[in-house]
Protein backbone atom coordinates (compact mmCIF):
# COMPACT_ATOMS: atom_id res chain seq x y z
CA UNK A 1 -85.07 0.41 -114.92
CA UNK A 2 -85.27 3.87 -113.58
CA UNK A 3 -86.51 4.44 -110.09
CA UNK A 4 -86.85 2.21 -107.09
CA UNK A 5 -87.48 -1.48 -107.66
CA UNK A 6 -90.42 -2.86 -105.70
CA UNK A 7 -89.82 -5.83 -103.44
CA UNK A 8 -92.35 -8.59 -103.11
CA UNK A 9 -91.07 -10.74 -100.25
CA UNK A 10 -92.86 -14.06 -99.73
CA UNK A 11 -92.26 -17.11 -97.56
CA UNK A 12 -91.52 -20.07 -99.82
CA UNK A 13 -90.35 -23.63 -99.32
CA UNK A 14 -86.97 -24.00 -101.03
CA UNK A 15 -84.51 -26.91 -101.26
CA UNK A 16 -82.42 -27.20 -98.08
CA UNK A 17 -78.86 -26.34 -99.15
CA UNK A 18 -77.35 -28.12 -96.14
CA UNK A 19 -79.03 -31.47 -96.88
CA UNK A 20 -77.04 -34.16 -98.62
CA UNK A 21 -78.58 -36.46 -101.22
CA UNK A 22 -78.27 -39.38 -98.79
CA UNK A 23 -80.16 -37.49 -96.06
CA UNK A 24 -82.84 -36.47 -98.56
CA UNK A 25 -83.41 -40.08 -99.69
CA UNK A 26 -83.40 -41.29 -96.08
CA UNK A 27 -86.09 -38.75 -95.15
CA UNK A 28 -88.03 -39.66 -98.29
CA UNK A 29 -88.19 -43.29 -97.06
CA UNK A 30 -89.43 -42.27 -93.61
CA UNK A 31 -91.85 -39.44 -94.51
CA UNK A 32 -93.99 -38.34 -97.41
CA UNK A 33 -95.15 -34.99 -98.68
CA UNK A 34 -94.01 -32.17 -100.93
CA UNK A 35 -91.79 -30.48 -98.31
CA UNK A 36 -89.25 -33.24 -97.76
CA UNK A 37 -85.78 -31.72 -98.11
CA UNK A 38 -87.08 -28.17 -98.07
CA UNK A 39 -86.85 -25.26 -95.65
CA UNK A 40 -88.85 -22.08 -95.34
CA UNK A 41 -87.13 -18.97 -96.69
CA UNK A 42 -88.02 -15.41 -97.54
CA UNK A 43 -87.80 -14.95 -101.31
CA UNK A 44 -87.81 -11.66 -103.21
CA UNK A 45 -90.28 -12.64 -105.91
CA UNK A 46 -89.49 -9.60 -108.07
CA UNK A 47 -85.93 -10.92 -108.46
CA UNK A 48 -87.23 -14.38 -109.31
CA UNK A 49 -90.18 -13.64 -111.61
CA UNK A 50 -89.91 -9.91 -112.33
CA UNK A 51 -93.16 -8.01 -112.84
CA UNK A 52 -95.20 -11.20 -112.58
CA UNK A 53 -94.75 -10.83 -108.80
CA UNK A 54 -97.38 -8.06 -108.94
CA UNK A 55 -100.07 -10.48 -110.14
CA UNK A 56 -102.55 -12.00 -107.69
CA UNK A 57 -103.81 -15.59 -107.93
CA UNK A 58 -100.77 -16.94 -109.77
CA UNK A 59 -100.13 -20.67 -109.64
CA UNK A 60 -96.89 -22.45 -108.74
CA UNK A 61 -96.59 -23.72 -112.32
CA UNK A 62 -96.92 -20.17 -113.67
CA UNK A 63 -94.30 -18.93 -111.18
CA UNK A 64 -91.95 -21.75 -112.14
CA UNK A 65 -92.43 -21.03 -115.86
CA UNK A 66 -91.79 -17.30 -115.33
CA UNK A 67 -88.67 -18.06 -113.28
CA UNK A 68 -87.38 -20.49 -115.93
CA UNK A 69 -88.03 -17.98 -118.74
CA UNK A 70 -86.30 -15.17 -116.84
CA UNK A 71 -83.38 -17.44 -115.94
CA UNK A 72 -82.94 -18.54 -119.55
CA UNK A 73 -82.96 -14.94 -120.70
CA UNK A 74 -80.28 -14.02 -118.15
CA UNK A 75 -78.08 -17.06 -118.91
CA UNK A 76 -78.46 -16.41 -122.64
CA UNK A 77 -76.44 -13.24 -122.12
CA UNK A 78 -73.44 -15.23 -120.80
CA UNK A 79 -70.59 -16.03 -123.12
CA UNK A 80 -71.21 -13.41 -125.78
CA UNK A 81 -68.66 -10.82 -124.75
CA UNK A 82 -66.34 -11.57 -121.88
CA UNK A 83 -63.74 -9.32 -120.35
CA UNK A 84 -60.16 -10.56 -120.46
CA UNK A 85 -57.73 -9.85 -117.65
CA UNK A 86 -54.37 -9.78 -119.41
CA UNK A 87 -52.55 -9.25 -116.10
CA UNK A 88 -53.79 -12.55 -114.69
CA UNK A 89 -51.32 -15.40 -114.57
CA UNK A 90 -52.20 -18.06 -117.12
CA UNK A 91 -52.19 -21.49 -115.54
CA UNK A 92 -53.36 -24.74 -117.13
CA UNK A 93 -55.86 -23.94 -119.87
CA UNK A 94 -56.36 -27.48 -121.07
CA UNK A 95 -59.42 -29.51 -120.33
CA UNK A 96 -63.11 -29.46 -121.10
CA UNK A 97 -64.06 -26.61 -118.72
CA UNK A 98 -62.15 -23.93 -120.64
CA UNK A 99 -65.21 -22.54 -122.40
CA UNK A 100 -67.94 -23.63 -119.99
CA UNK A 101 -69.51 -20.15 -119.76
CA UNK A 102 -69.86 -20.07 -123.54
CA UNK A 103 -71.50 -23.50 -123.55
CA UNK A 104 -73.95 -22.47 -120.83
CA UNK A 105 -74.84 -19.32 -122.78
CA UNK A 106 -75.21 -21.24 -126.02
CA UNK A 107 -77.53 -23.81 -124.43
CA UNK A 108 -79.59 -21.07 -122.76
CA UNK A 109 -79.87 -19.15 -126.05
CA UNK A 110 -81.13 -22.28 -127.80
CA UNK A 111 -83.68 -23.06 -125.08
CA UNK A 112 -84.76 -19.40 -124.86
CA UNK A 113 -85.22 -19.26 -128.66
CA UNK A 114 -87.32 -22.46 -128.45
CA UNK A 115 -89.54 -20.84 -125.79
CA UNK A 116 -89.90 -17.64 -127.83
CA UNK A 117 -90.77 -19.62 -130.95
CA UNK A 118 -93.25 -21.73 -128.97
CA UNK A 119 -95.04 -18.62 -127.63
CA UNK A 120 -94.87 -16.61 -130.83
CA UNK A 121 -93.57 -13.10 -131.22
CA UNK A 122 -96.53 -11.26 -129.66
CA UNK A 123 -96.92 -13.39 -126.54
CA UNK A 124 -93.16 -13.75 -126.00
CA UNK A 125 -92.79 -9.97 -126.24
CA UNK A 126 -95.49 -9.53 -123.59
CA UNK A 127 -93.91 -12.10 -121.26
CA UNK A 128 -90.45 -10.62 -121.79
CA UNK A 129 -91.62 -7.10 -120.95
CA UNK A 130 -93.35 -8.24 -117.76
CA UNK A 131 -91.16 -11.09 -116.50
CA UNK A 132 -87.71 -10.03 -117.71
CA UNK A 133 -87.89 -6.24 -117.81
CA UNK A 134 -90.37 -5.83 -114.91
CA UNK A 135 -92.76 -3.55 -116.78
CA UNK A 136 -96.16 -3.27 -115.03
CA UNK A 137 -99.22 -4.20 -117.10
CA UNK A 138 -100.61 -0.75 -116.34
CA UNK A 139 -97.71 0.78 -118.32
CA UNK A 140 -98.47 -1.42 -121.35
CA UNK A 141 -102.28 -1.28 -121.33
CA UNK A 142 -104.37 1.74 -122.23
CA UNK A 143 -107.34 1.41 -119.90
CA UNK A 144 -108.85 -1.15 -117.57
CA UNK A 145 -110.33 -3.37 -120.31
CA UNK A 146 -106.98 -3.80 -122.02
CA UNK A 147 -105.29 -4.37 -118.65
CA UNK A 148 -107.72 -7.21 -117.92
CA UNK A 149 -107.17 -8.69 -121.39
CA UNK A 150 -103.38 -8.52 -121.05
CA UNK A 151 -103.56 -10.08 -117.60
CA UNK A 152 -105.52 -13.02 -119.02
CA UNK A 153 -102.97 -13.32 -121.85
CA UNK A 154 -100.06 -13.38 -119.39
CA UNK A 155 -101.68 -16.14 -117.33
CA UNK A 156 -102.50 -18.16 -120.47
CA UNK A 157 -99.00 -17.72 -121.92
CA UNK A 158 -97.36 -18.80 -118.66
CA UNK A 159 -99.71 -21.82 -118.43
CA UNK A 160 -98.58 -22.79 -121.93
CA UNK A 161 -94.93 -22.17 -121.05
CA UNK A 162 -95.27 -24.40 -117.98
CA UNK A 163 -96.43 -27.21 -120.27
CA UNK A 164 -93.63 -26.42 -122.77
CA UNK A 165 -90.99 -26.59 -120.00
CA UNK A 166 -92.48 -29.81 -118.61
CA UNK A 167 -93.50 -28.15 -115.34
CA UNK A 168 -97.21 -28.92 -115.74
CA UNK A 169 -99.49 -31.28 -117.62
CA UNK A 170 -101.43 -30.05 -120.62
CA UNK A 171 -104.63 -28.28 -119.65
CA UNK A 172 -107.94 -29.94 -120.44
CA UNK A 173 -109.85 -28.17 -123.22
């Protein structure tokens, strides 16, 4: 991406990294609500969901689907070509964690391919350009009518992806 990357900083409730599982379950017994075990944090949405951060009126399910899609795309790149440091001292190479990066990449590639196949080539290409490569809709569309149509398609595709990833229930027809 050439040029300066825009930052869309928002206050979000995120899981509290200092909270143990025991503390979380204890608080869950004493209180109720969606913010148990969470803290407020400033989140750069453009790093999390790419160009989808520019969209107004996005839902949490759409944000979660965009973040999952972008994360899968990034993790799918792991394990393909890794640098080798031949000067490093070789210690114990036995055990199941030897090729963990390759396994993570392989799993992400499979799940990413499933998402692409689920969306279809046209919609997955649109989501990839906006969410992964941070291309504004105005750069893709030729005019305001097409921009509105593409915006509707992005929202619909992310709604469908949220259902595909199990982040939301199927929409009523």
